[in-house]
Amino acid sequence: MVQIQQLQENEIVILMLAGEIDAKSSIDLDLAIAKSVAEGFKKILIDCGQLDYISSAGLGVFMSYIDEMKESQTAMVLYGMSEKVASTFQILGLADMLAIRNTKEEAKQSANELSI
């Protein structure tokens, strides 16, 4: 099960993920991202610092937004992943398709650059 907390810092929305994202809870992740997009945020940071596990369904949620983010000129940046979670993204080649940074500050900087 995943817990998702939404915070707003100026024009940036931060989705803080905690726990595990499996097939069932990936729906919650999808809804949280869709809500942020619908609210008009152009900078979406995903805090993965407390994320213990992500299934292929969870990865699929991120993949499903890649084109939409480009088309709407929205920056989605993930950060703070554990080695275990990061390796899942790397093994499936998603590390090359998504903006992934180590820290919140790096993620903010990347979001500012991507949304220009």
PDB file of N, CA and C in Angstrom:
ATOM      1  N   MET A   1       0.836  -1.181   0.000  1.00  0.00           N
ATOM      2  CA  MET A   1       0.000   0.000   0.000  1.00  0.00           C
ATOM      3  C   MET A   1       0.883   1.247   0.000  1.00  0.00           C
ATOM      4  N   VAL A   2       0.442   2.257  -0.713  1.00  0.00           N
ATOM      5  CA  VAL A   2       1.200   3.496  -0.777  1.00  0.00           C
ATOM      6  C   VAL A   2       0.415   4.619  -0.115  1.00  0.00           C
ATOM      7  N   GLN A   3       1.159   5.502   0.508  1.00  0.00           N
ATOM      8  CA  GLN A   3       0.571   6.726   1.046  1.00  0.00           C
ATOM      9  C   GLN A   3       1.115   7.870   0.208  1.00  0.00           C
ATOM     10  N   ILE A   4       0.230   8.751  -0.225  1.00  0.00           N
ATOM     11  CA  ILE A   4       0.636   9.868  -1.067  1.00  0.00           C
ATOM     12  C   ILE A   4       0.189  11.159  -0.401  1.00  0.00           C
ATOM     13  N   GLN A   5       1.156  12.027  -0.186  1.00  0.00           N
ATOM     14  CA  GLN A   5       0.866  13.333   0.392  1.00  0.00           C
ATOM     15  C   GLN A   5       1.214  14.391  -0.643  1.00  0.00           C
ATOM     16  N   GLN A   6       0.328  15.348  -0.838  1.00  0.00           N
ATOM     17  CA  GLN A   6       0.565  16.420  -1.802  1.00  0.00           C
ATOM     18  C   GLN A   6       0.890  17.706  -1.069  1.00  0.00           C
ATOM     19  N   LEU A   7       2.014  18.299  -1.423  1.00  0.00           N
ATOM     20  CA  LEU A   7       2.428  19.589  -0.870  1.00  0.00           C
ATOM     21  C   LEU A   7       2.601  20.571  -2.017  1.00  0.00           C
ATOM     22  N   GLN A   8       2.415  21.838  -1.716  1.00  0.00           N
ATOM     23  CA  GLN A   8       2.631  22.853  -2.734  1.00  0.00           C
ATOM     24  C   GLN A   8       3.672  23.835  -2.245  1.00  0.00           C
ATOM     25  N   GLU A   9       4.652  24.104  -3.088  1.00  0.00           N
ATOM     26  CA  GLU A   9       5.668  25.114  -2.812  1.00  0.00           C
ATOM     27  C   GLU A   9       5.686  26.060  -3.999  1.00  0.00           C
ATOM     28  N   ASN A  10       5.051  27.206  -3.832  1.00  0.00           N
ATOM     29  CA  ASN A  10       4.902  28.180  -4.911  1.00  0.00           C
ATOM     30  C   ASN A  10       4.247  27.518  -6.114  1.00  0.00           C
ATOM     31  N   GLU A  11       4.922  27.496  -7.257  1.00  0.00           N
ATOM     32  CA  GLU A  11       4.323  26.924  -8.473  1.00  0.00           C
ATOM     33  C   GLU A  11       4.639  25.434  -8.640  1.00  0.00           C
ATOM     34  N   ILE A  12       5.229  24.839  -7.621  1.00  0.00           N
ATOM     35  CA  ILE A  12       5.630  23.426  -7.683  1.00  0.00           C
ATOM     36  C   ILE A  12       4.708  22.596  -6.791  1.00  0.00           C
ATOM     37  N   VAL A  13       4.287  21.432  -7.298  1.00  0.00           N
ATOM     38  CA  VAL A  13       3.561  20.483  -6.467  1.00  0.00           C
ATOM     39  C   VAL A  13       4.509  19.306  -6.200  1.00  0.00           C
ATOM     40  N   ILE A  14       4.519  18.849  -4.962  1.00  0.00           N
ATOM     41  CA  ILE A  14       5.366  17.722  -4.581  1.00  0.00           C
ATOM     42  C   ILE A  14       4.464  16.587  -4.114  1.00  0.00           C
ATOM     43  N   LEU A  15       4.613  15.439  -4.754  1.00  0.00           N
ATOM     44  CA  LEU A  15       3.887  14.246  -4.337  1.00  0.00           C
ATOM     45  C   LEU A  15       4.863  13.370  -3.570  1.00  0.00           C
ATOM     46  N   MET A  16       4.608  13.200  -2.290  1.00  0.00           N
ATOM     47  CA  MET A  16       5.481  12.401  -1.441  1.00  0.00           C
ATOM     48  C   MET A  16       4.914  10.994  -1.344  1.00  0.00           C
ATOM     49  N   LEU A  17       5.693  10.026  -1.804  1.00  0.00           N
ATOM     50  CA  LEU A  17       5.264   8.633  -1.826  1.00  0.00           C
ATOM     51  C   LEU A  17       5.910   7.878  -0.672  1.00  0.00           C
ATOM     52  N   ALA A  18       5.123   7.075   0.023  1.00  0.00           N
ATOM     53  CA  ALA A  18       5.651   6.259   1.123  1.00  0.00           C
ATOM     54  C   ALA A  18       5.022   4.880   1.055  1.00  0.00           C
ATOM     55  N   GLY A  19       5.848   3.856   1.199  1.00  0.00           N
ATOM     56  CA  GLY A  19       5.351   2.482   1.196  1.00  0.00           C
ATOM     57  C   GLY A  19       5.646   1.765  -0.103  1.00  0.00           C
ATOM     58  N   GLU A  20       4.663   1.013  -0.575  1.00  0.00           N
ATOM     59  CA  GLU A  20       4.841   0.180  -1.759  1.00  0.00           C
ATOM     60  C   GLU A  20       3.777   0.499  -2.801  1.00  0.00           C
ATOM     61  N   ILE A  21       4.215   0.551  -4.052  1.00  0.00           N
ATOM     62  CA  ILE A  21       3.269   0.738  -5.157  1.00  0.00           C
ATOM     63  C   ILE A  21       3.170  -0.579  -5.901  1.00  0.00           C
ATOM     64  N   ASP A  22       1.989  -1.189  -5.812  1.00  0.00           N
ATOM     65  CA  ASP A  22       1.723  -2.436  -6.526  1.00  0.00           C
ATOM     66  C   ASP A  22       0.583  -2.171  -7.517  1.00  0.00           C
ATOM     67  N   ALA A  23       0.051  -3.232  -8.103  1.00  0.00           N
ATOM     68  CA  ALA A  23      -1.001  -3.067  -9.106  1.00  0.00           C
ATOM     69  C   ALA A  23      -2.198  -2.305  -8.537  1.00  0.00           C
ATOM     70  N   LYS A  24      -2.589  -2.619  -7.317  1.00  0.00           N
ATOM     71  CA  LYS A  24      -3.757  -1.968  -6.711  1.00  0.00           C
ATOM     72  C   LYS A  24      -3.477  -0.501  -6.376  1.00  0.00           C
ATOM     73  N   SER A  25      -2.363  -0.245  -5.732  1.00  0.00           N
ATOM     74  CA  SER A  25      -2.081   1.127  -5.297  1.00  0.00           C
ATOM     75  C   SER A  25      -1.561   2.020  -6.427  1.00  0.00           C
ATOM     76  N   SER A  26      -1.208   1.434  -7.568  1.00  0.00           N
ATOM     77  CA  SER A  26      -0.763   2.253  -8.701  1.00  0.00           C
ATOM     78  C   SER A  26      -1.901   3.164  -9.176  1.00  0.00           C
ATOM     79  N   ILE A  27      -3.139   2.756  -8.920  1.00  0.00           N
ATOM     80  CA  ILE A  27      -4.299   3.586  -9.274  1.00  0.00           C
ATOM     81  C   ILE A  27      -4.265   4.889  -8.486  1.00  0.00           C
ATOM     82  N   ASP A  28      -3.881   4.812  -7.209  1.00  0.00           N
ATOM     83  CA  ASP A  28      -3.779   6.014  -6.376  1.00  0.00           C
ATOM     84  C   ASP A  28      -2.700   6.953  -6.907  1.00  0.00           C
ATOM     85  N   LEU A  29      -1.586   6.388  -7.348  1.00  0.00           N
ATOM     86  CA  LEU A  29      -0.510   7.189  -7.931  1.00  0.00           C
ATOM     87  C   LEU A  29      -1.002   7.891  -9.195  1.00  0.00           C
ATOM     88  N   ASP A  30      -1.684   7.143 -10.044  1.00  0.00           N
ATOM     89  CA  ASP A  30      -2.217   7.705 -11.282  1.00  0.00           C
ATOM     90  C   ASP A  30      -3.168   8.861 -10.982  1.00  0.00           C
ATOM     91  N   LEU A  31      -4.062   8.672 -10.020  1.00  0.00           N
ATOM     92  CA  LEU A  31      -5.020   9.724  -9.659  1.00  0.00           C
ATOM     93  C   LEU A  31      -4.317  10.965  -9.103  1.00  0.00           C
ATOM     94  N   ALA A  32      -3.276  10.761  -8.314  1.00  0.00           N
ATOM     95  CA  ALA A  32      -2.545  11.895  -7.722  1.00  0.00           C
ATOM     96  C   ALA A  32      -1.839  12.711  -8.803  1.00  0.00           C
ATOM     97  N   ILE A  33      -1.221  12.030  -9.765  1.00  0.00           N
ATOM     98  CA  ILE A  33      -0.551  12.748 -10.856  1.00  0.00           C
ATOM     99  C   ILE A  33      -1.585  13.452 -11.727  1.00  0.00           C
ATOM    100  N   ALA A  34      -2.666  12.757 -12.064  1.00  0.00           N
ATOM    101  CA  ALA A  34      -3.723  13.345 -12.898  1.00  0.00           C
ATOM    102  C   ALA A  34      -4.314  14.584 -12.229  1.00  0.00           C
ATOM    103  N   LYS A  35      -4.489  14.529 -10.916  1.00  0.00           N
ATOM    104  CA  LYS A  35      -5.022  15.675 -10.171  1.00  0.00           C
ATOM    105  C   LYS A  35      -4.077  16.868 -10.267  1.00  0.00           C
ATOM    106  N   SER A  36      -2.785  16.611 -10.119  1.00  0.00           N
ATOM    107  CA  SER A  36      -1.798  17.691 -10.199  1.00  0.00           C
ATOM    108  C   SER A  36      -1.802  18.332 -11.580  1.00  0.00           C
ATOM    109  N   VAL A  37      -1.915  17.512 -12.616  1.00  0.00           N
ATOM    110  CA  VAL A  37      -1.961  18.020 -13.989  1.00  0.00           C
ATOM    111  C   VAL A  37      -3.247  18.828 -14.186  1.00  0.00           C
ATOM    112  N   ALA A  38      -4.371  18.291 -13.725  1.00  0.00           N
ATOM    113  CA  ALA A  38      -5.663  18.964 -13.881  1.00  0.00           C
ATOM    114  C   ALA A  38      -5.696  20.303 -13.147  1.00  0.00           C
ATOM    115  N   GLU A  39      -4.964  20.391 -12.042  1.00  0.00           N
ATOM    116  CA  GLU A  39      -4.901  21.645 -11.280  1.00  0.00           C
ATOM    117  C   GLU A  39      -3.988  22.670 -11.946  1.00  0.00           C
ATOM    118  N   GLY A  40      -3.341  22.283 -13.044  1.00  0.00           N
ATOM    119  CA  GLY A  40      -2.549  23.223 -13.821  1.00  0.00           C
ATOM    120  C   GLY A  40      -1.092  23.351 -13.431  1.00  0.00           C
ATOM    121  N   PHE A  41      -0.598  22.466 -12.585  1.00  0.00           N
ATOM    122  CA  PHE A  41       0.816  22.544 -12.213  1.00  0.00           C
ATOM    123  C   PHE A  41       1.693  22.166 -13.394  1.00  0.00           C
ATOM    124  N   LYS A  42       2.725  22.952 -13.631  1.00  0.00           N
ATOM    125  CA  LYS A  42       3.675  22.684 -14.715  1.00  0.00           C
ATOM    126  C   LYS A  42       4.985  22.103 -14.184  1.00  0.00           C
ATOM    127  N   LYS A  43       5.103  22.024 -12.860  1.00  0.00           N
ATOM    128  CA  LYS A  43       6.283  21.446 -12.223  1.00  0.00           C
ATOM    129  C   LYS A  43       5.806  20.470 -11.164  1.00  0.00           C
ATOM    130  N   ILE A  44       6.007  19.184 -11.435  1.00  0.00           N
ATOM    131  CA  ILE A  44       5.556  18.132 -10.527  1.00  0.00           C
ATOM    132  C   ILE A  44       6.776  17.351 -10.057  1.00  0.00           C
ATOM    133  N   LEU A  45       7.037  17.403  -8.764  1.00  0.00           N
ATOM    134  CA  LEU A  45       8.141  16.647  -8.193  1.00  0.00           C
ATOM    135  C   LEU A  45       7.564  15.431  -7.479  1.00  0.00           C
ATOM    136  N   ILE A  46       8.207  14.295  -7.648  1.00  0.00           N
ATOM    137  CA  ILE A  46       7.786  13.061  -7.007  1.00  0.00           C
ATOM    138  C   ILE A  46       8.874  12.652  -6.021  1.00  0.00           C
ATOM    139  N   ASP A  47       8.567  12.768  -4.728  1.00  0.00           N
ATOM    140  CA  ASP A  47       9.519  12.420  -3.674  1.00  0.00           C
ATOM    141  C   ASP A  47       9.420  10.914  -3.410  1.00  0.00           C
ATOM    142  N   CYS A  48      10.459  10.193  -3.799  1.00  0.00           N
ATOM    143  CA  CYS A  48      10.489   8.735  -3.655  1.00  0.00           C
ATOM    144  C   CYS A  48      11.318   8.289  -2.459  1.00  0.00           C
ATOM    145  N   GLY A  49      11.655   9.205  -1.578  1.00  0.00           N
ATOM    146  CA  GLY A  49      12.529   8.907  -0.439  1.00  0.00           C
ATOM    147  C   GLY A  49      11.993   7.841   0.506  1.00  0.00           C
ATOM    148  N   GLN A  50      10.679   7.742   0.619  1.00  0.00           N
ATOM    149  CA  GLN A  50      10.083   6.750   1.512  1.00  0.00           C
ATOM    150  C   GLN A  50       9.419   5.605   0.744  1.00  0.00           C
ATOM    151  N   LEU A  51       9.731   5.524  -0.551  1.00  0.00           N
ATOM    152  CA  LEU A  51       9.164   4.464  -1.387  1.00  0.00           C
ATOM    153  C   LEU A  51      10.020   3.209  -1.247  1.00  0.00           C
ATOM    154  N   ASP A  52       9.401   2.123  -0.792  1.00  0.00           N
ATOM    155  CA  ASP A  52      10.132   0.881  -0.542  1.00  0.00           C
ATOM    156  C   ASP A  52      10.139  -0.064  -1.736  1.00  0.00           C
ATOM    157  N   TYR A  53       9.092   0.027  -2.573  1.00  0.00           N
ATOM    158  CA  TYR A  53       8.942  -0.926  -3.672  1.00  0.00           C
ATOM    159  C   TYR A  53       8.021  -0.323  -4.719  1.00  0.00           C
ATOM    160  N   ILE A  54       8.314  -0.622  -5.984  1.00  0.00           N
ATOM    161  CA  ILE A  54       7.412  -0.224  -7.061  1.00  0.00           C
ATOM    162  C   ILE A  54       7.314  -1.380  -8.053  1.00  0.00           C
ATOM    163  N   SER A  55       6.089  -1.752  -8.389  1.00  0.00           N
ATOM    164  CA  SER A  55       5.857  -2.852  -9.334  1.00  0.00           C
ATOM    165  C   SER A  55       5.850  -2.317 -10.764  1.00  0.00           C
ATOM    166  N   SER A  56       5.726  -3.235 -11.709  1.00  0.00           N
ATOM    167  CA  SER A  56       5.654  -2.824 -13.112  1.00  0.00           C
ATOM    168  C   SER A  56       4.412  -1.967 -13.362  1.00  0.00           C
ATOM    169  N   ALA A  57       3.343  -2.200 -12.616  1.00  0.00           N
ATOM    170  CA  ALA A  57       2.139  -1.376 -12.764  1.00  0.00           C
ATOM    171  C   ALA A  57       2.428   0.067 -12.355  1.00  0.00           C
ATOM    172  N   GLY A  58       3.186   0.238 -11.284  1.00  0.00           N
ATOM    173  CA  GLY A  58       3.571   1.578 -10.848  1.00  0.00           C
ATOM    174  C   GLY A  58       4.469   2.264 -11.859  1.00  0.00           C
ATOM    175  N   LEU A  59       5.410   1.499 -12.403  1.00  0.00           N
ATOM    176  CA  LEU A  59       6.289   2.051 -13.439  1.00  0.00           C
ATOM    177  C   LEU A  59       5.472   2.448 -14.663  1.00  0.00           C
ATOM    178  N   GLY A  60       4.457   1.646 -14.962  1.00  0.00           N
ATOM    179  CA  GLY A  60       3.593   1.932 -16.100  1.00  0.00           C
ATOM    180  C   GLY A  60       2.864   3.257 -15.957  1.00  0.00           C
ATOM    181  N   VAL A  61       2.518   3.627 -14.724  1.00  0.00           N
ATOM    182  CA  VAL A  61       1.869   4.919 -14.495  1.00  0.00           C
ATOM    183  C   VAL A  61       2.794   6.040 -14.944  1.00  0.00           C
ATOM    184  N   PHE A  62       4.050   5.978 -14.525  1.00  0.00           N
ATOM    185  CA  PHE A  62       4.998   7.020 -14.931  1.00  0.00           C
ATOM    186  C   PHE A  62       5.182   7.032 -16.445  1.00  0.00           C
ATOM    187  N   MET A  63       5.281   5.855 -17.027  1.00  0.00           N
ATOM    188  CA  MET A  63       5.449   5.763 -18.483  1.00  0.00           C
ATOM    189  C   MET A  63       4.255   6.383 -19.212  1.00  0.00           C
ATOM    190  N   SER A  64       3.068   6.189 -18.681  1.00  0.00           N
ATOM    191  CA  SER A  64       1.870   6.681 -19.350  1.00  0.00           C
ATOM    192  C   SER A  64       1.812   8.209 -19.405  1.00  0.00           C
ATOM    193  N   TYR A  65       2.587   8.876 -18.579  1.00  0.00           N
ATOM    194  CA  TYR A  65       2.570  10.339 -18.550  1.00  0.00           C
ATOM    195  C   TYR A  65       3.703  10.984 -19.345  1.00  0.00           C
ATOM    196  N   ILE A  66       4.637  10.210 -19.850  1.00  0.00           N
ATOM    197  CA  ILE A  66       5.803  10.789 -20.526  1.00  0.00           C
ATOM    198  C   ILE A  66       5.380  11.692 -21.682  1.00  0.00           C
ATOM    199  N   ASP A  67       4.557  11.190 -22.596  1.00  0.00           N
ATOM    200  CA  ASP A  67       4.142  11.992 -23.753  1.00  0.00           C
ATOM    201  C   ASP A  67       3.271  13.176 -23.344  1.00  0.00           C
ATOM    202  N   GLU A  68       2.351  12.942 -22.406  1.00  0.00           N
ATOM    203  CA  GLU A  68       1.462  14.019 -21.964  1.00  0.00           C
ATOM    204  C   GLU A  68       2.253  15.164 -21.344  1.00  0.00           C
ATOM    205  N   MET A  69       3.272  14.826 -20.576  1.00  0.00           N
ATOM    206  CA  MET A  69       4.087  15.864 -19.940  1.00  0.00           C
ATOM    207  C   MET A  69       4.834  16.687 -20.986  1.00  0.00           C
ATOM    208  N   LYS A  70       5.351  16.007 -21.997  1.00  0.00           N
ATOM    209  CA  LYS A  70       6.054  16.727 -23.063  1.00  0.00           C
ATOM    210  C   LYS A  70       5.103  17.645 -23.812  1.00  0.00           C
ATOM    211  N   GLU A  71       3.936  17.121 -24.164  1.00  0.00           N
ATOM    212  CA  GLU A  71       2.966  17.911 -24.920  1.00  0.00           C
ATOM    213  C   GLU A  71       2.463  19.121 -24.146  1.00  0.00           C
ATOM    214  N   SER A  72       2.282  18.976 -22.860  1.00  0.00           N
ATOM    215  CA  SER A  72       1.767  20.083 -22.046  1.00  0.00           C
ATOM    216  C   SER A  72       2.884  20.929 -21.442  1.00  0.00           C
ATOM    217  N   GLN A  73       4.122  20.624 -21.809  1.00  0.00           N
ATOM    218  CA  GLN A  73       5.302  21.329 -21.291  1.00  0.00           C
ATOM    219  C   GLN A  73       5.310  21.349 -19.761  1.00  0.00           C
ATOM    220  N   THR A  74       5.027  20.190 -19.212  1.00  0.00           N
ATOM    221  CA  THR A  74       5.046  20.007 -17.767  1.00  0.00           C
ATOM    222  C   THR A  74       6.284  19.192 -17.398  1.00  0.00           C
ATOM    223  N   ALA A  75       6.979  19.643 -16.382  1.00  0.00           N
ATOM    224  CA  ALA A  75       8.168  18.933 -15.905  1.00  0.00           C
ATOM    225  C   ALA A  75       7.759  18.007 -14.769  1.00  0.00           C
ATOM    226  N   MET A  76       8.043  16.720 -14.927  1.00  0.00           N
ATOM    227  CA  MET A  76       7.833  15.751 -13.856  1.00  0.00           C
ATOM    228  C   MET A  76       9.206  15.184 -13.509  1.00  0.00           C
ATOM    229  N   VAL A  77       9.625  15.403 -12.266  1.00  0.00           N
ATOM    230  CA  VAL A  77      10.957  14.975 -11.844  1.00  0.00           C
ATOM    231  C   VAL A  77      10.826  14.124 -10.585  1.00  0.00           C
ATOM    232  N   LEU A  78      11.421  12.947 -10.621  1.00  0.00           N
ATOM    233  CA  LEU A  78      11.429  12.039  -9.480  1.00  0.00           C
ATOM    234  C   LEU A  78      12.743  12.217  -8.732  1.00  0.00           C
ATOM    235  N   TYR A  79      12.714  12.080  -7.419  1.00  0.00           N
ATOM    236  CA  TYR A  79      13.966  12.224  -6.668  1.00  0.00           C
ATOM    237  C   TYR A  79      13.937  11.416  -5.373  1.00  0.00           C
ATOM    238  N   GLY A  80      15.142  11.221  -4.834  1.00  0.00           N
ATOM    239  CA  GLY A  80      15.294  10.597  -3.519  1.00  0.00           C
ATOM    240  C   GLY A  80      15.108   9.091  -3.491  1.00  0.00           C
ATOM    241  N   MET A  81      15.265   8.434  -4.613  1.00  0.00           N
ATOM    242  CA  MET A  81      15.032   6.984  -4.664  1.00  0.00           C
ATOM    243  C   MET A  81      16.102   6.205  -3.919  1.00  0.00           C
ATOM    244  N   SER A  82      15.671   5.131  -3.276  1.00  0.00           N
ATOM    245  CA  SER A  82      16.634   4.200  -2.696  1.00  0.00           C
ATOM    246  C   SER A  82      17.326   3.475  -3.846  1.00  0.00           C
ATOM    247  N   GLU A  83      18.434   2.827  -3.533  1.00  0.00           N
ATOM    248  CA  GLU A  83      19.155   2.081  -4.563  1.00  0.00           C
ATOM    249  C   GLU A  83      18.279   0.996  -5.178  1.00  0.00           C
ATOM    250  N   LYS A  84      17.495   0.338  -4.338  1.00  0.00           N
ATOM    251  CA  LYS A  84      16.623  -0.746  -4.787  1.00  0.00           C
ATOM    252  C   LYS A  84      15.578  -0.248  -5.788  1.00  0.00           C
ATOM    253  N   VAL A  85      14.916   0.857  -5.459  1.00  0.00           N
ATOM    254  CA  VAL A  85      13.896   1.419  -6.352  1.00  0.00           C
ATOM    255  C   VAL A  85      14.552   1.971  -7.623  1.00  0.00           C
ATOM    256  N   ALA A  86      15.666   2.661  -7.467  1.00  0.00           N
ATOM    257  CA  ALA A  86      16.363   3.226  -8.631  1.00  0.00           C
ATOM    258  C   ALA A  86      16.795   2.131  -9.599  1.00  0.00           C
ATOM    259  N   SER A  87      17.243   1.000  -9.078  1.00  0.00           N
ATOM    260  CA  SER A  87      17.689  -0.079  -9.963  1.00  0.00           C
ATOM    261  C   SER A  87      16.526  -0.645 -10.772  1.00  0.00           C
ATOM    262  N   THR A  88      15.322  -0.637 -10.208  1.00  0.00           N
ATOM    263  CA  THR A  88      14.142  -1.087 -10.950  1.00  0.00           C
ATOM    264  C   THR A  88      13.918  -0.188 -12.162  1.00  0.00           C
ATOM    265  N   PHE A  89      14.038   1.117 -11.977  1.00  0.00           N
ATOM    266  CA  PHE A  89      13.883   2.063 -13.083  1.00  0.00           C
ATOM    267  C   PHE A  89      14.984   1.858 -14.123  1.00  0.00           C
ATOM    268  N   GLN A  90      16.209   1.617 -13.659  1.00  0.00           N
ATOM    269  CA  GLN A  90      17.346   1.450 -14.571  1.00  0.00           C
ATOM    270  C   GLN A  90      17.239   0.163 -15.372  1.00  0.00           C
ATOM    271  N   ILE A  91      16.873  -0.924 -14.721  1.00  0.00           N
ATOM    272  CA  ILE A  91      16.776  -2.217 -15.396  1.00  0.00           C
ATOM    273  C   ILE A  91      15.792  -2.155 -16.554  1.00  0.00           C
ATOM    274  N   LEU A  92      14.697  -1.445 -16.356  1.00  0.00           N
ATOM    275  CA  LEU A  92      13.664  -1.363 -17.391  1.00  0.00           C
ATOM    276  C   LEU A  92      13.890  -0.207 -18.366  1.00  0.00           C
ATOM    277  N   GLY A  93      14.988   0.511 -18.216  1.00  0.00           N
ATOM    278  CA  GLY A  93      15.322   1.585 -19.143  1.00  0.00           C
ATOM    279  C   GLY A  93      14.565   2.886 -18.907  1.00  0.00           C
ATOM    280  N   LEU A  94      13.848   2.971 -17.816  1.00  0.00           N
ATOM    281  CA  LEU A  94      13.065   4.181 -17.547  1.00  0.00           C
ATOM    282  C   LEU A  94      13.922   5.326 -17.027  1.00  0.00           C
ATOM    283  N   ALA A  95      15.089   5.015 -16.525  1.00  0.00           N
ATOM    284  CA  ALA A  95      15.973   6.061 -16.024  1.00  0.00           C
ATOM    285  C   ALA A  95      16.379   7.005 -17.154  1.00  0.00           C
ATOM    286  N   ASP A  96      16.356   6.505 -18.385  1.00  0.00           N
ATOM    287  CA  ASP A  96      16.704   7.339 -19.534  1.00  0.00           C
ATOM    288  C   ASP A  96      15.503   8.125 -20.057  1.00  0.00           C
ATOM    289  N   MET A  97      14.296   7.688 -19.710  1.00  0.00           N
ATOM    290  CA  MET A  97      13.088   8.314 -20.239  1.00  0.00           C
ATOM    291  C   MET A  97      12.468   9.319 -19.267  1.00  0.00           C
ATOM    292  N   LEU A  98      12.806   9.205 -18.005  1.00  0.00           N
ATOM    293  CA  LEU A  98      12.258  10.082 -16.972  1.00  0.00           C
ATOM    294  C   LEU A  98      13.375  10.908 -16.348  1.00  0.00           C
ATOM    295  N   ALA A  99      13.007  12.081 -15.846  1.00  0.00           N
ATOM    296  CA  ALA A  99      13.975  12.909 -15.128  1.00  0.00           C
ATOM    297  C   ALA A  99      14.044  12.393 -13.693  1.00  0.00           C
ATOM    298  N   ILE A 100      15.204  11.852 -13.327  1.00  0.00           N
ATOM    299  CA  ILE A 100      15.404  11.314 -11.979  1.00  0.00           C
ATOM    300  C   ILE A 100      16.636  11.993 -11.380  1.00  0.00           C
ATOM    301  N   ARG A 101      16.465  12.571 -10.214  1.00  0.00           N
ATOM    302  CA  ARG A 101      17.548  13.272  -9.539  1.00  0.00           C
ATOM    303  C   ARG A 101      17.725  12.709  -8.131  1.00  0.00           C
ATOM    304  N   ASN A 102      18.838  13.042  -7.520  1.00  0.00           N
ATOM    305  CA  ASN A 102      19.138  12.522  -6.189  1.00  0.00           C
ATOM    306  C   ASN A 102      18.447  13.293  -5.077  1.00  0.00           C
ATOM    307  N   THR A 103      18.433  14.621  -5.177  1.00  0.00           N
ATOM    308  CA  THR A 103      17.918  15.445  -4.081  1.00  0.00           C
ATOM    309  C   THR A 103      16.759  16.331  -4.538  1.00  0.00           C
ATOM    310  N   LYS A 104      16.060  16.864  -3.560  1.00  0.00           N
ATOM    311  CA  LYS A 104      14.954  17.771  -3.841  1.00  0.00           C
ATOM    312  C   LYS A 104      15.453  19.026  -4.556  1.00  0.00           C
ATOM    313  N   GLU A 105      16.574  19.550  -4.130  1.00  0.00           N
ATOM    314  CA  GLU A 105      17.117  20.756  -4.765  1.00  0.00           C
ATOM    315  C   GLU A 105      17.476  20.501  -6.228  1.00  0.00           C
ATOM    316  N   GLU A 106      18.093  19.352  -6.507  1.00  0.00           N
ATOM    317  CA  GLU A 106      18.417  18.993  -7.887  1.00  0.00           C
ATOM    318  C   GLU A 106      17.135  18.832  -8.704  1.00  0.00           C
ATOM    319  N   ALA A 107      16.113  18.254  -8.087  1.00  0.00           N
ATOM    320  CA  ALA A 107      14.832  18.064  -8.774  1.00  0.00           C
ATOM    321  C   ALA A 107      14.186  19.405  -9.104  1.00  0.00           C
ATOM    322  N   LYS A 108      14.224  20.344  -8.152  1.00  0.00           N
ATOM    323  CA  LYS A 108      13.665  21.680  -8.395  1.00  0.00           C
ATOM    324  C   LYS A 108      14.397  22.366  -9.543  1.00  0.00           C
ATOM    325  N   GLN A 109      15.719  22.285  -9.525  1.00  0.00           N
ATOM    326  CA  GLN A 109      16.514  22.912 -10.572  1.00  0.00           C
ATOM    327  C   GLN A 109      16.173  22.293 -11.929  1.00  0.00           C
ATOM    328  N   SER A 110      16.075  20.983 -11.967  1.00  0.00           N
ATOM    329  CA  SER A 110      15.747  20.280 -13.199  1.00  0.00           C
ATOM    330  C   SER A 110      14.348  20.670 -13.690  1.00  0.00           C
ATOM    331  N   ALA A 111      13.387  20.769 -12.774  1.00  0.00           N
ATOM    332  CA  ALA A 111      12.021  21.160 -13.149  1.00  0.00           C
ATOM    333  C   ALA A 111      12.011  22.564 -13.741  1.00  0.00           C
ATOM    334  N   ASN A 112      12.793  23.453 -13.159  1.00  0.00           N
ATOM    335  CA  ASN A 112      12.875  24.821 -13.697  1.00  0.00           C
ATOM    336  C   ASN A 112      13.468  24.820 -15.101  1.00  0.00           C
ATOM    337  N   GLU A 113      14.479  23.998 -15.327  1.00  0.00           N
ATOM    338  CA  GLU A 113      15.110  23.923 -16.651  1.00  0.00           C
ATOM    339  C   GLU A 113      14.185  23.271 -17.668  1.00  0.00           C
ATOM    340  N   LEU A 114      13.480  22.223 -17.263  1.00  0.00           N
ATOM    341  CA  LEU A 114      12.610  21.501 -18.194  1.00  0.00           C
ATOM    342  C   LEU A 114      11.367  22.287 -18.580  1.00  0.00           C
ATOM    343  N   SER A 115      10.924  23.180 -17.728  1.00  0.00           N
ATOM    344  CA  SER A 115       9.678  23.896 -17.995  1.00  0.00           C
ATOM    345  C   SER A 115       9.886  25.206 -18.753  1.00  0.00           C
ATOM    346  N   ILE A 116      11.122  25.476 -19.114  1.00  0.00           N
ATOM    347  CA  ILE A 116      11.425  26.716 -19.859  1.00  0.00           C
ATOM    348  C   ILE A 116      10.983  26.583 -21.299  1.00  0.00           C
TER     349      ILE A 116
END
